[in-house]
Amino acid sequence: EEDALRRDFTVNALFLDPSRDLILDHTDGLRDLRARVIRTIGEPRVRFREDPVRILRAVKFAGRLGFTIEPETFAAMAETAGDLVRAAPPRLLEEI
């Protein structure tokens, strides 16, 4: 559960328990997966301020998967986009 809560988005905090063939969902990621929505775990502005590269990751997931970005998450992305200049160029490249 601790590892799930450290993830960026609910949909990438899902785990499989292969011994029980059970999906472990501590963040309501299945709900968002079914709704095709990208949503941060925790308060979006805080999460993007901690690591602005998450902004690019959200866009990447939404684009690749055809998901939408939850409105509060999207607003926080727009508000904190200027923080991307603090990110190391190799990390930015990795997300692109």
PDB file of N, CA and C in Angstrom:
ATOM      1  N   GLU A   1       0.825  -1.198   0.000  1.00  0.00           N
ATOM      2  CA  GLU A   1       0.000   0.000   0.000  1.00  0.00           C
ATOM      3  C   GLU A   1       0.865   1.256   0.000  1.00  0.00           C
ATOM      4  N   GLU A   2       1.966   1.246   0.769  1.00  0.00           N
ATOM      5  CA  GLU A   2       2.866   2.407   0.808  1.00  0.00           C
ATOM      6  C   GLU A   2       3.428   2.697  -0.575  1.00  0.00           C
ATOM      7  N   ASP A   3       3.820   1.652  -1.304  1.00  0.00           N
ATOM      8  CA  ASP A   3       4.362   1.846  -2.643  1.00  0.00           C
ATOM      9  C   ASP A   3       3.297   2.428  -3.569  1.00  0.00           C
ATOM     10  N   ALA A   4       2.077   1.957  -3.467  1.00  0.00           N
ATOM     11  CA  ALA A   4       0.998   2.469  -4.309  1.00  0.00           C
ATOM     12  C   ALA A   4       0.787   3.958  -4.070  1.00  0.00           C
ATOM     13  N   LEU A   5       0.822   4.381  -2.829  1.00  0.00           N
ATOM     14  CA  LEU A   5       0.566   5.781  -2.499  1.00  0.00           C
ATOM     15  C   LEU A   5       1.701   6.699  -2.925  1.00  0.00           C
ATOM     16  N   ARG A   6       2.874   6.149  -3.211  1.00  0.00           N
ATOM     17  CA  ARG A   6       4.001   6.958  -3.705  1.00  0.00           C
ATOM     18  C   ARG A   6       3.949   7.139  -5.220  1.00  0.00           C
ATOM     19  N   ARG A   7       3.108   6.388  -5.882  1.00  0.00           N
ATOM     20  CA  ARG A   7       2.999   6.495  -7.344  1.00  0.00           C
ATOM     21  C   ARG A   7       2.421   7.850  -7.734  1.00  0.00           C
ATOM     22  N   ASP A   8       2.544   8.185  -8.998  1.00  0.00           N
ATOM     23  CA  ASP A   8       2.071   9.479  -9.495  1.00  0.00           C
ATOM     24  C   ASP A   8       0.555   9.527  -9.674  1.00  0.00           C
ATOM     25  N   PHE A   9       0.031   8.503 -10.336  1.00  0.00           N
ATOM     26  CA  PHE A   9      -1.366   8.520 -10.774  1.00  0.00           C
ATOM     27  C   PHE A   9      -2.069   7.244 -10.340  1.00  0.00           C
ATOM     28  N   THR A  10      -3.363   7.363 -10.141  1.00  0.00           N
ATOM     29  CA  THR A  10      -4.137   6.221  -9.643  1.00  0.00           C
ATOM     30  C   THR A  10      -4.027   5.010 -10.561  1.00  0.00           C
ATOM     31  N   VAL A  11      -4.007   5.240 -11.871  1.00  0.00           N
ATOM     32  CA  VAL A  11      -3.993   4.117 -12.805  1.00  0.00           C
ATOM     33  C   VAL A  11      -2.655   3.385 -12.858  1.00  0.00           C
ATOM     34  N   ASN A  12      -1.593   4.012 -12.357  1.00  0.00           N
ATOM     35  CA  ASN A  12      -0.333   3.263 -12.328  1.00  0.00           C
ATOM     36  C   ASN A  12       0.030   2.865 -10.900  1.00  0.00           C
ATOM     37  N   ALA A  13      -0.989   2.810 -10.041  1.00  0.00           N
ATOM     38  CA  ALA A  13      -0.792   2.338  -8.672  1.00  0.00           C
ATOM     39  C   ALA A  13      -1.525   1.023  -8.444  1.00  0.00           C
ATOM     40  N   LEU A  14      -1.871   0.355  -9.520  1.00  0.00           N
ATOM     41  CA  LEU A  14      -2.538  -0.941  -9.421  1.00  0.00           C
ATOM     42  C   LEU A  14      -1.483  -2.044  -9.367  1.00  0.00           C
ATOM     43  N   PHE A  15      -1.722  -3.019  -8.520  1.00  0.00           N
ATOM     44  CA  PHE A  15      -0.801  -4.140  -8.387  1.00  0.00           C
ATOM     45  C   PHE A  15      -1.569  -5.444  -8.554  1.00  0.00           C
ATOM     46  N   LEU A  16      -0.869  -6.474  -9.010  1.00  0.00           N
ATOM     47  CA  LEU A  16      -1.461  -7.798  -9.152  1.00  0.00           C
ATOM     48  C   LEU A  16      -0.857  -8.721  -8.113  1.00  0.00           C
ATOM     49  N   ASP A  17      -1.709  -9.386  -7.374  1.00  0.00           N
ATOM     50  CA  ASP A  17      -1.274 -10.455  -6.470  1.00  0.00           C
ATOM     51  C   ASP A  17      -1.465 -11.753  -7.248  1.00  0.00           C
ATOM     52  N   PRO A  18      -0.395 -12.284  -7.876  1.00  0.00           N
ATOM     53  CA  PRO A  18      -0.551 -13.451  -8.739  1.00  0.00           C
ATOM     54  C   PRO A  18      -0.943 -14.717  -7.979  1.00  0.00           C
ATOM     55  N   SER A  19      -0.617 -14.777  -6.707  1.00  0.00           N
ATOM     56  CA  SER A  19      -0.970 -15.984  -5.953  1.00  0.00           C
ATOM     57  C   SER A  19      -2.483 -16.074  -5.731  1.00  0.00           C
ATOM     58  N   ARG A  20      -3.143 -14.930  -5.700  1.00  0.00           N
ATOM     59  CA  ARG A  20      -4.605 -14.917  -5.526  1.00  0.00           C
ATOM     60  C   ARG A  20      -5.330 -14.456  -6.785  1.00  0.00           C
ATOM     61  N   ASP A  21      -4.551 -14.132  -7.838  1.00  0.00           N
ATOM     62  CA  ASP A  21      -5.115 -13.597  -9.080  1.00  0.00           C
ATOM     63  C   ASP A  21      -6.065 -12.450  -8.764  1.00  0.00           C
ATOM     64  N   LEU A  22      -5.536 -11.482  -8.002  1.00  0.00           N
ATOM     65  CA  LEU A  22      -6.334 -10.385  -7.483  1.00  0.00           C
ATOM     66  C   LEU A  22      -5.626  -9.063  -7.747  1.00  0.00           C
ATOM     67  N   ILE A  23      -6.362  -8.079  -8.220  1.00  0.00           N
ATOM     68  CA  ILE A  23      -5.809  -6.740  -8.401  1.00  0.00           C
ATOM     69  C   ILE A  23      -5.930  -5.987  -7.085  1.00  0.00           C
ATOM     70  N   LEU A  24      -4.808  -5.432  -6.635  1.00  0.00           N
ATOM     71  CA  LEU A  24      -4.785  -4.640  -5.409  1.00  0.00           C
ATOM     72  C   LEU A  24      -4.903  -3.172  -5.804  1.00  0.00           C
ATOM     73  N   ASP A  25      -5.909  -2.518  -5.281  1.00  0.00           N
ATOM     74  CA  ASP A  25      -6.220  -1.149  -5.679  1.00  0.00           C
ATOM     75  C   ASP A  25      -6.419  -0.300  -4.433  1.00  0.00           C
ATOM     76  N   HIS A  26      -5.369   0.418  -4.050  1.00  0.00           N
ATOM     77  CA  HIS A  26      -5.410   1.249  -2.847  1.00  0.00           C
ATOM     78  C   HIS A  26      -5.768   2.702  -3.158  1.00  0.00           C
ATOM     79  N   THR A  27      -5.939   3.046  -4.435  1.00  0.00           N
ATOM     80  CA  THR A  27      -6.127   4.454  -4.821  1.00  0.00           C
ATOM     81  C   THR A  27      -7.339   4.676  -5.727  1.00  0.00           C
ATOM     82  N   ASP A  28      -8.219   3.714  -5.835  1.00  0.00           N
ATOM     83  CA  ASP A  28      -9.362   3.786  -6.760  1.00  0.00           C
ATOM     84  C   ASP A  28      -8.911   3.872  -8.216  1.00  0.00           C
ATOM     85  N   GLY A  29      -7.784   3.256  -8.500  1.00  0.00           N
ATOM     86  CA  GLY A  29      -7.264   3.256  -9.859  1.00  0.00           C
ATOM     87  C   GLY A  29      -8.141   2.506 -10.848  1.00  0.00           C
ATOM     88  N   LEU A  30      -8.801   1.439 -10.386  1.00  0.00           N
ATOM     89  CA  LEU A  30      -9.691   0.700 -11.294  1.00  0.00           C
ATOM     90  C   LEU A  30     -10.847   1.582 -11.751  1.00  0.00           C
ATOM     91  N   ARG A  31     -11.369   2.383 -10.847  1.00  0.00           N
ATOM     92  CA  ARG A  31     -12.456   3.309 -11.205  1.00  0.00           C
ATOM     93  C   ARG A  31     -11.970   4.255 -12.311  1.00  0.00           C
ATOM     94  N   ASP A  32     -10.765   4.822 -12.124  1.00  0.00           N
ATOM     95  CA  ASP A  32     -10.234   5.744 -13.116  1.00  0.00           C
ATOM     96  C   ASP A  32      -9.857   5.034 -14.410  1.00  0.00           C
ATOM     97  N   LEU A  33      -9.379   3.817 -14.316  1.00  0.00           N
ATOM     98  CA  LEU A  33      -9.058   3.041 -15.512  1.00  0.00           C
ATOM     99  C   LEU A  33     -10.318   2.814 -16.350  1.00  0.00           C
ATOM    100  N   ARG A  34     -11.384   2.424 -15.680  1.00  0.00           N
ATOM    101  CA  ARG A  34     -12.658   2.193 -16.386  1.00  0.00           C
ATOM    102  C   ARG A  34     -13.201   3.495 -16.983  1.00  0.00           C
ATOM    103  N   ALA A  35     -13.000   4.602 -16.267  1.00  0.00           N
ATOM    104  CA  ALA A  35     -13.485   5.906 -16.749  1.00  0.00           C
ATOM    105  C   ALA A  35     -12.514   6.556 -17.731  1.00  0.00           C
ATOM    106  N   ARG A  36     -11.330   5.935 -17.893  1.00  0.00           N
ATOM    107  CA  ARG A  36     -10.286   6.434 -18.799  1.00  0.00           C
ATOM    108  C   ARG A  36      -9.847   7.840 -18.411  1.00  0.00           C
ATOM    109  N   VAL A  37      -9.499   7.968 -17.115  1.00  0.00           N
ATOM    110  CA  VAL A  37      -9.140   9.269 -16.535  1.00  0.00           C
ATOM    111  C   VAL A  37      -7.773   9.175 -15.865  1.00  0.00           C
ATOM    112  N   ILE A  38      -6.943  10.205 -16.077  1.00  0.00           N
ATOM    113  CA  ILE A  38      -5.671  10.342 -15.374  1.00  0.00           C
ATOM    114  C   ILE A  38      -5.912  11.281 -14.196  1.00  0.00           C
ATOM    115  N   ARG A  39      -5.596  10.798 -12.989  1.00  0.00           N
ATOM    116  CA  ARG A  39      -5.804  11.567 -11.763  1.00  0.00           C
ATOM    117  C   ARG A  39      -4.585  11.356 -10.859  1.00  0.00           C
ATOM    118  N   THR A  40      -4.091  12.418 -10.259  1.00  0.00           N
ATOM    119  CA  THR A  40      -2.960  12.274  -9.345  1.00  0.00           C
ATOM    120  C   THR A  40      -3.397  11.580  -8.061  1.00  0.00           C
ATOM    121  N   ILE A  41      -2.427  11.000  -7.408  1.00  0.00           N
ATOM    122  CA  ILE A  41      -2.626  10.482  -6.057  1.00  0.00           C
ATOM    123  C   ILE A  41      -2.238  11.613  -5.125  1.00  0.00           C
ATOM    124  N   GLY A  42      -3.144  12.016  -4.290  1.00  0.00           N
ATOM    125  CA  GLY A  42      -2.872  13.141  -3.404  1.00  0.00           C
ATOM    126  C   GLY A  42      -3.240  14.459  -4.064  1.00  0.00           C
ATOM    127  N   GLU A  43      -2.845  15.534  -3.428  1.00  0.00           N
ATOM    128  CA  GLU A  43      -3.181  16.885  -3.903  1.00  0.00           C
ATOM    129  C   GLU A  43      -2.338  17.206  -5.139  1.00  0.00           C
ATOM    130  N   PRO A  44      -2.973  17.461  -6.289  1.00  0.00           N
ATOM    131  CA  PRO A  44      -2.223  17.617  -7.542  1.00  0.00           C
ATOM    132  C   PRO A  44      -1.143  18.693  -7.518  1.00  0.00           C
ATOM    133  N   ARG A  45      -1.422  19.864  -6.975  1.00  0.00           N
ATOM    134  CA  ARG A  45      -0.415  20.934  -6.983  1.00  0.00           C
ATOM    135  C   ARG A  45       0.815  20.534  -6.189  1.00  0.00           C
ATOM    136  N   VAL A  46       0.594  19.896  -5.068  1.00  0.00           N
ATOM    137  CA  VAL A  46       1.713  19.428  -4.247  1.00  0.00           C
ATOM    138  C   VAL A  46       2.530  18.400  -5.020  1.00  0.00           C
ATOM    139  N   ARG A  47       1.848  17.465  -5.652  1.00  0.00           N
ATOM    140  CA  ARG A  47       2.539  16.396  -6.381  1.00  0.00           C
ATOM    141  C   ARG A  47       3.358  16.952  -7.549  1.00  0.00           C
ATOM    142  N   PHE A  48       2.801  17.931  -8.281  1.00  0.00           N
ATOM    143  CA  PHE A  48       3.540  18.492  -9.410  1.00  0.00           C
ATOM    144  C   PHE A  48       4.663  19.410  -8.948  1.00  0.00           C
ATOM    145  N   ARG A  49       4.505  20.044  -7.825  1.00  0.00           N
ATOM    146  CA  ARG A  49       5.599  20.868  -7.274  1.00  0.00           C
ATOM    147  C   ARG A  49       6.739  19.972  -6.795  1.00  0.00           C
ATOM    148  N   GLU A  50       6.408  18.815  -6.236  1.00  0.00           N
ATOM    149  CA  GLU A  50       7.438  17.857  -5.805  1.00  0.00           C
ATOM    150  C   GLU A  50       8.278  17.395  -6.982  1.00  0.00           C
ATOM    151  N   ASP A  51       7.608  17.117  -8.097  1.00  0.00           N
ATOM    152  CA  ASP A  51       8.297  16.606  -9.284  1.00  0.00           C
ATOM    153  C   ASP A  51       7.542  17.059 -10.534  1.00  0.00           C
ATOM    154  N   PRO A  52       7.982  18.170 -11.132  1.00  0.00           N
ATOM    155  CA  PRO A  52       7.272  18.698 -12.297  1.00  0.00           C
ATOM    156  C   PRO A  52       7.266  17.766 -13.512  1.00  0.00           C
ATOM    157  N   VAL A  53       8.174  16.806 -13.562  1.00  0.00           N
ATOM    158  CA  VAL A  53       8.195  15.864 -14.688  1.00  0.00           C
ATOM    159  C   VAL A  53       6.899  15.054 -14.729  1.00  0.00           C
ATOM    160  N   ARG A  54       6.207  14.989 -13.607  1.00  0.00           N
ATOM    161  CA  ARG A  54       4.907  14.304 -13.585  1.00  0.00           C
ATOM    162  C   ARG A  54       3.926  14.941 -14.570  1.00  0.00           C
ATOM    163  N   ILE A  55       4.094  16.213 -14.849  1.00  0.00           N
ATOM    164  CA  ILE A  55       3.228  16.895 -15.823  1.00  0.00           C
ATOM    165  C   ILE A  55       3.355  16.213 -17.179  1.00  0.00           C
ATOM    166  N   LEU A  56       4.583  16.004 -17.606  1.00  0.00           N
ATOM    167  CA  LEU A  56       4.808  15.338 -18.896  1.00  0.00           C
ATOM    168  C   LEU A  56       4.313  13.902 -18.865  1.00  0.00           C
ATOM    169  N   ARG A  57       4.494  13.246 -17.739  1.00  0.00           N
ATOM    170  CA  ARG A  57       4.043  11.857 -17.603  1.00  0.00           C
ATOM    171  C   ARG A  57       2.526  11.779 -17.742  1.00  0.00           C
ATOM    172  N   ALA A  58       1.807  12.733 -17.164  1.00  0.00           N
ATOM    173  CA  ALA A  58       0.341  12.748 -17.275  1.00  0.00           C
ATOM    174  C   ALA A  58      -0.073  12.900 -18.736  1.00  0.00           C
ATOM    175  N   VAL A  59       0.587  13.813 -19.435  1.00  0.00           N
ATOM    176  CA  VAL A  59       0.276  14.034 -20.851  1.00  0.00           C
ATOM    177  C   VAL A  59       0.592  12.779 -21.652  1.00  0.00           C
ATOM    178  N   LYS A  60       1.712  12.154 -21.344  1.00  0.00           N
ATOM    179  CA  LYS A  60       2.115  10.943 -22.058  1.00  0.00           C
ATOM    180  C   LYS A  60       1.082   9.829 -21.867  1.00  0.00           C
ATOM    181  N   PHE A  61       0.683   9.584 -20.621  1.00  0.00           N
ATOM    182  CA  PHE A  61      -0.322   8.545 -20.371  1.00  0.00           C
ATOM    183  C   PHE A  61      -1.636   8.862 -21.073  1.00  0.00           C
ATOM    184  N   ALA A  62      -2.095  10.097 -20.949  1.00  0.00           N
ATOM    185  CA  ALA A  62      -3.371  10.475 -21.572  1.00  0.00           C
ATOM    186  C   ALA A  62      -3.304  10.300 -23.085  1.00  0.00           C
ATOM    187  N   GLY A  63      -2.217  10.746 -23.687  1.00  0.00           N
ATOM    188  CA  GLY A  63      -2.074  10.638 -25.137  1.00  0.00           C
ATOM    189  C   GLY A  63      -1.964   9.209 -25.625  1.00  0.00           C
ATOM    190  N   ARG A  64      -1.141   8.426 -24.972  1.00  0.00           N
ATOM    191  CA  ARG A  64      -0.940   7.040 -25.402  1.00  0.00           C
ATOM    192  C   ARG A  64      -2.181   6.191 -25.196  1.00  0.00           C
ATOM    193  N   LEU A  65      -2.882   6.437 -24.105  1.00  0.00           N
ATOM    194  CA  LEU A  65      -4.008   5.583 -23.753  1.00  0.00           C
ATOM    195  C   LEU A  65      -5.358   6.129 -24.201  1.00  0.00           C
ATOM    196  N   GLY A  66      -5.365   7.372 -24.696  1.00  0.00           N
ATOM    197  CA  GLY A  66      -6.625   7.978 -25.088  1.00  0.00           C
ATOM    198  C   GLY A  66      -7.493   8.333 -23.887  1.00  0.00           C
ATOM    199  N   PHE A  67      -6.850   8.653 -22.760  1.00  0.00           N
ATOM    200  CA  PHE A  67      -7.560   9.025 -21.536  1.00  0.00           C
ATOM    201  C   PHE A  67      -7.698  10.536 -21.474  1.00  0.00           C
ATOM    202  N   THR A  68      -8.601  10.997 -20.625  1.00  0.00           N
ATOM    203  CA  THR A  68      -8.695  12.422 -20.330  1.00  0.00           C
ATOM    204  C   THR A  68      -7.962  12.680 -19.015  1.00  0.00           C
ATOM    205  N   ILE A  69      -7.669  13.931 -18.755  1.00  0.00           N
ATOM    206  CA  ILE A  69      -7.025  14.310 -17.502  1.00  0.00           C
ATOM    207  C   ILE A  69      -8.085  14.955 -16.623  1.00  0.00           C
ATOM    208  N   GLU A  70      -8.216  14.461 -15.432  1.00  0.00           N
ATOM    209  CA  GLU A  70      -9.203  14.949 -14.466  1.00  0.00           C
ATOM    210  C   GLU A  70      -9.022  16.457 -14.292  1.00  0.00           C
ATOM    211  N   PRO A  71     -10.108  17.244 -14.222  1.00  0.00           N
ATOM    212  CA  PRO A  71     -10.008  18.710 -14.223  1.00  0.00           C
ATOM    213  C   PRO A  71      -9.091  19.311 -13.149  1.00  0.00           C
ATOM    214  N   GLU A  72      -9.137  18.823 -11.927  1.00  0.00           N
ATOM    215  CA  GLU A  72      -8.262  19.388 -10.886  1.00  0.00           C
ATOM    216  C   GLU A  72      -6.795  19.091 -11.194  1.00  0.00           C
ATOM    217  N   THR A  73      -6.540  17.910 -11.704  1.00  0.00           N
ATOM    218  CA  THR A  73      -5.184  17.543 -12.110  1.00  0.00           C
ATOM    219  C   THR A  73      -4.719  18.435 -13.255  1.00  0.00           C
ATOM    220  N   PHE A  74      -5.588  18.649 -14.238  1.00  0.00           N
ATOM    221  CA  PHE A  74      -5.238  19.489 -15.382  1.00  0.00           C
ATOM    222  C   PHE A  74      -4.956  20.927 -14.941  1.00  0.00           C
ATOM    223  N   ALA A  75      -5.786  21.458 -14.057  1.00  0.00           N
ATOM    224  CA  ALA A  75      -5.580  22.832 -13.562  1.00  0.00           C
ATOM    225  C   ALA A  75      -4.242  22.943 -12.837  1.00  0.00           C
ATOM    226  N   ALA A  76      -3.894  21.946 -12.050  1.00  0.00           N
ATOM    227  CA  ALA A  76      -2.615  21.958 -11.337  1.00  0.00           C
ATOM    228  C   ALA A  76      -1.449  21.862 -12.319  1.00  0.00           C
ATOM    229  N   MET A  77      -1.616  21.104 -13.387  1.00  0.00           N
ATOM    230  CA  MET A  77      -0.570  21.008 -14.411  1.00  0.00           C
ATOM    231  C   MET A  77      -0.310  22.379 -15.023  1.00  0.00           C
ATOM    232  N   ALA A  78      -1.382  23.080 -15.363  1.00  0.00           N
ATOM    233  CA  ALA A  78      -1.242  24.410 -15.970  1.00  0.00           C
ATOM    234  C   ALA A  78      -0.594  25.380 -14.988  1.00  0.00           C
ATOM    235  N   GLU A  79      -0.984  25.294 -13.737  1.00  0.00           N
ATOM    236  CA  GLU A  79      -0.463  26.204 -12.718  1.00  0.00           C
ATOM    237  C   GLU A  79       1.023  25.985 -12.433  1.00  0.00           C
ATOM    238  N   THR A  80       1.466  24.744 -12.515  1.00  0.00           N
ATOM    239  CA  THR A  80       2.847  24.424 -12.136  1.00  0.00           C
ATOM    240  C   THR A  80       3.768  24.163 -13.326  1.00  0.00           C
ATOM    241  N   ALA A  81       3.284  24.340 -14.540  1.00  0.00           N
ATOM    242  CA  ALA A  81       4.088  24.043 -15.734  1.00  0.00           C
ATOM    243  C   ALA A  81       5.409  24.801 -15.760  1.00  0.00           C
ATOM    244  N   GLY A  82       5.439  26.005 -15.203  1.00  0.00           N
ATOM    245  CA  GLY A  82       6.678  26.778 -15.174  1.00  0.00           C
ATOM    246  C   GLY A  82       7.781  26.108 -14.378  1.00  0.00           C
ATOM    247  N   ASP A  83       7.424  25.185 -13.510  1.00  0.00           N
ATOM    248  CA  ASP A  83       8.421  24.466 -12.710  1.00  0.00           C
ATOM    249  C   ASP A  83       9.225  23.459 -13.531  1.00  0.00           C
ATOM    250  N   LEU A  84       8.783  23.177 -14.746  1.00  0.00           N
ATOM    251  CA  LEU A  84       9.516  22.220 -15.575  1.00  0.00           C
ATOM    252  C   LEU A  84      10.947  22.659 -15.857  1.00  0.00           C
ATOM    253  N   VAL A  85      11.232  23.948 -15.797  1.00  0.00           N
ATOM    254  CA  VAL A  85      12.593  24.419 -16.029  1.00  0.00           C
ATOM    255  C   VAL A  85      13.553  23.920 -14.950  1.00  0.00           C
ATOM    256  N   ARG A  86      13.037  23.507 -13.804  1.00  0.00           N
ATOM    257  CA  ARG A  86      13.874  22.972 -12.718  1.00  0.00           C
ATOM    258  C   ARG A  86      14.285  21.516 -12.955  1.00  0.00           C
ATOM    259  N   ALA A  87      13.599  20.841 -13.859  1.00  0.00           N
ATOM    260  CA  ALA A  87      13.850  19.419 -14.076  1.00  0.00           C
ATOM    261  C   ALA A  87      15.136  19.210 -14.872  1.00  0.00           C
ATOM    262  N   ALA A  88      15.817  18.141 -14.558  1.00  0.00           N
ATOM    263  CA  ALA A  88      17.044  17.796 -15.277  1.00  0.00           C
ATOM    264  C   ALA A  88      16.693  17.400 -16.714  1.00  0.00           C
ATOM    265  N   PRO A  89      17.445  17.921 -17.693  1.00  0.00           N
ATOM    266  CA  PRO A  89      17.162  17.602 -19.096  1.00  0.00           C
ATOM    267  C   PRO A  89      17.050  16.098 -19.386  1.00  0.00           C
ATOM    268  N   PRO A  90      17.908  15.231 -18.820  1.00  0.00           N
ATOM    269  CA  PRO A  90      17.741  13.798 -19.114  1.00  0.00           C
ATOM    270  C   PRO A  90      16.386  13.239 -18.651  1.00  0.00           C
ATOM    271  N   ARG A  91      15.870  13.750 -17.549  1.00  0.00           N
ATOM    272  CA  ARG A  91      14.559  13.289 -17.068  1.00  0.00           C
ATOM    273  C   ARG A  91      13.454  13.764 -18.001  1.00  0.00           C
ATOM    274  N   LEU A  92      13.578  14.981 -18.509  1.00  0.00           N
ATOM    275  CA  LEU A  92      12.592  15.495 -19.459  1.00  0.00           C
ATOM    276  C   LEU A  92      12.605  14.658 -20.733  1.00  0.00           C
ATOM    277  N   LEU A  93      13.792  14.378 -21.229  1.00  0.00           N
ATOM    278  CA  LEU A  93      13.939  13.592 -22.450  1.00  0.00           C
ATOM    279  C   LEU A  93      13.346  12.200 -22.263  1.00  0.00           C
ATOM    280  N   GLU A  94      13.583  11.613 -21.111  1.00  0.00           N
ATOM    281  CA  GLU A  94      13.065  10.266 -20.831  1.00  0.00           C
ATOM    282  C   GLU A  94      11.533  10.227 -20.946  1.00  0.00           C
ATOM    283  N   GLU A  95      10.868  11.271 -20.508  1.00  0.00           N
ATOM    284  CA  GLU A  95       9.414  11.306 -20.561  1.00  0.00           C
ATOM    285  C   GLU A  95       8.887  11.603 -21.965  1.00  0.00           C
ATOM    286  N   ILE A  96       9.694  12.280 -22.756  1.00  0.00           N
ATOM    287  CA  ILE A  96       9.260  12.602 -24.123  1.00  0.00           C
ATOM    288  C   ILE A  96       9.556  11.422 -25.023  1.00  0.00           C
TER     289      ILE A  96
END
